[in-house]
Protein backbone atom coordinates (compact mmCIF):
# COMPACT_ATOMS: atom_id res chain seq x y z
CA UNK A 1 34.71 22.98 -34.79
CA UNK A 2 32.13 24.38 -36.74
CA UNK A 3 29.26 26.77 -35.21
CA UNK A 4 25.76 27.05 -36.68
CA UNK A 5 22.97 29.24 -36.31
CA UNK A 6 19.63 29.33 -37.82
CA UNK A 7 17.35 32.09 -38.42
CA UNK A 8 14.22 32.95 -40.42
CA UNK A 9 11.71 30.57 -38.82
CA UNK A 10 8.23 32.05 -38.06
CA UNK A 11 4.24 31.66 -38.10
CA UNK A 12 2.84 31.68 -42.09
CA UNK A 13 -0.30 30.81 -43.20
CA UNK A 14 -0.73 27.90 -45.72
CA UNK A 15 0.52 28.50 -49.17
CA UNK A 16 3.41 31.16 -47.73
CA UNK A 17 6.71 31.55 -48.06
CA UNK A 18 9.91 31.82 -45.51
CA UNK A 19 13.06 31.75 -46.01
CA UNK A 20 15.78 30.25 -43.57
CA UNK A 21 19.24 30.96 -43.31
CA UNK A 22 22.22 29.20 -41.14
CA UNK A 23 25.13 31.24 -40.54
CA UNK A 24 28.66 28.64 -40.06
CA UNK A 25 31.78 29.79 -37.86
CA UNK A 26 34.49 28.38 -37.00
CA UNK A 27 36.56 25.93 -39.20
CA UNK A 28 34.22 26.83 -41.77
CA UNK A 29 37.50 25.29 -44.77
CA UNK A 30 36.31 22.16 -43.01
CA UNK A 31 32.90 21.60 -44.07
CA UNK A 32 32.57 19.41 -46.82
CA UNK A 33 28.40 19.66 -47.57
CA UNK A 34 25.42 21.06 -45.88
CA UNK A 35 21.82 20.50 -45.23
CA UNK A 36 18.94 21.16 -43.75
CA UNK A 37 16.75 18.41 -41.09
CA UNK A 38 13.56 19.27 -39.89
CA UNK A 39 11.70 17.76 -36.66
CA UNK A 40 7.74 17.90 -36.22
CA UNK A 41 6.10 17.26 -32.98
CA UNK A 42 6.60 13.68 -31.91
CA UNK A 43 8.47 12.39 -34.99
CA UNK A 44 12.12 11.58 -35.65
CA UNK A 45 14.12 14.34 -37.30
CA UNK A 46 14.42 13.79 -41.17
CA UNK A 47 16.41 15.31 -43.82
CA UNK A 48 14.92 17.88 -45.97
CA UNK A 49 17.46 19.43 -48.41
CA UNK A 50 21.40 18.81 -48.98
CA UNK A 51 23.87 20.76 -50.71
CA UNK A 52 27.62 19.77 -51.95
CA UNK A 53 30.64 22.44 -50.95
CA UNK A 54 30.70 24.24 -54.03
CA UNK A 55 26.84 24.05 -54.51
CA UNK A 56 26.92 22.72 -57.28
CA UNK A 57 24.87 19.36 -56.26
CA UNK A 58 21.57 19.56 -54.73
CA UNK A 59 19.41 16.98 -53.16
CA UNK A 60 15.72 16.95 -51.54
CA UNK A 61 13.10 14.65 -49.82
CA UNK A 62 9.98 13.95 -52.37
CA UNK A 63 8.05 15.91 -49.80
CA UNK A 64 9.94 19.40 -50.34
CA UNK A 65 10.37 18.66 -54.00
CA UNK A 66 9.54 21.59 -56.23
CA UNK A 67 8.51 23.58 -53.82
CA UNK A 68 12.11 24.27 -51.28
CA UNK A 69 15.28 25.28 -52.77
CA UNK A 70 18.46 25.11 -51.08
CA UNK A 71 21.67 27.43 -51.71
CA UNK A 72 24.76 29.04 -50.24
CA UNK A 73 27.08 31.65 -50.06
CA UNK A 74 30.55 30.22 -49.39
CA UNK A 75 32.05 33.97 -49.32
CA UNK A 76 29.51 34.82 -46.40
CA UNK A 77 29.33 31.48 -44.82
CA UNK A 78 25.39 31.34 -45.42
CA UNK A 79 23.07 28.21 -46.27
CA UNK A 80 19.59 29.25 -47.42
CA UNK A 81 16.65 27.16 -47.39
CA UNK A 82 13.94 28.73 -49.63
CA UNK A 83 10.66 27.14 -48.67
CA UNK A 84 7.21 28.18 -50.95
CA UNK A 85 3.96 26.78 -51.01
CA UNK A 86 4.14 25.93 -47.26
CA UNK A 87 1.72 23.32 -46.11
CA UNK A 88 0.56 22.49 -42.21
CA UNK A 89 2.36 19.03 -42.58
CA UNK A 90 5.85 21.70 -43.09
CA UNK A 91 5.14 22.57 -39.47
CA UNK A 92 8.74 21.79 -37.30
CA UNK A 93 11.83 22.74 -36.01
CA UNK A 94 14.47 23.18 -38.91
CA UNK A 95 17.98 22.32 -38.29
CA UNK A 96 20.98 23.64 -39.98
CA UNK A 97 23.36 20.56 -40.31
CA UNK A 98 27.41 20.61 -41.22
CA UNK A 99 29.21 17.65 -42.89
CA UNK A 100 32.82 18.32 -41.48
CA UNK A 101 36.18 16.85 -42.28
CA UNK A 102 37.65 16.21 -38.79
CA UNK A 103 40.55 14.03 -38.21
CA UNK A 104 40.42 12.46 -41.62
CA UNK A 105 37.18 11.39 -41.89
CA UNK A 106 34.10 13.35 -42.18
CA UNK A 107 31.64 13.77 -39.35
CA UNK A 108 27.66 14.74 -39.64
CA UNK A 109 27.77 15.92 -35.95
CA UNK A 110 27.43 19.22 -36.39
CA UNK A 111 24.32 21.06 -35.67
CA UNK A 112 22.49 24.41 -34.75
CA UNK A 113 19.73 24.89 -32.48
CA UNK A 114 17.30 25.00 -34.82
CA UNK A 115 14.31 27.23 -35.50
CA UNK A 116 10.80 26.71 -35.28
CA UNK A 117 8.28 26.65 -38.51
CA UNK A 118 4.76 26.69 -38.04
CA UNK A 119 2.52 26.65 -41.10
CA UNK A 120 -1.35 27.50 -40.05
CA UNK A 121 -4.50 26.21 -42.10
C-alpha cells in the first residue's frame, strides 16, 4: 500500500506563486510514476502534471505549461508542484496521484486527500 499526503495549498493573489508537496509512505518502491491533478468547483478532476519514477520524463496540461513545474526527490519520497503566475482559473483542490505496481499490473488508484488552492483576482 502507498499513502500520499499533500501540503502547501492556500490563498494567493492573481500572479502569485505556491509550491505544493506530496509525501509518499508505505511501499514507495512500487511507485512507477506520480502526478498532480486538480478539481475546480463543479468541474471534473483533470490531470495537471506527471513525472516518471526517475524524474527524467515530465508532462503538463496545456493550461499550465510554462507556469508549473513538477519535480521529485526519490530519497525523500517527495513530489513537488511549483506553481508560478497563478490565475483565478487555477483555483481548485489539488490531488497527488501515484501509479503503482500492484499484482503485476499498474494501478492508478492511489490518491491523497487533496490540498485547496485559491487564487483571488
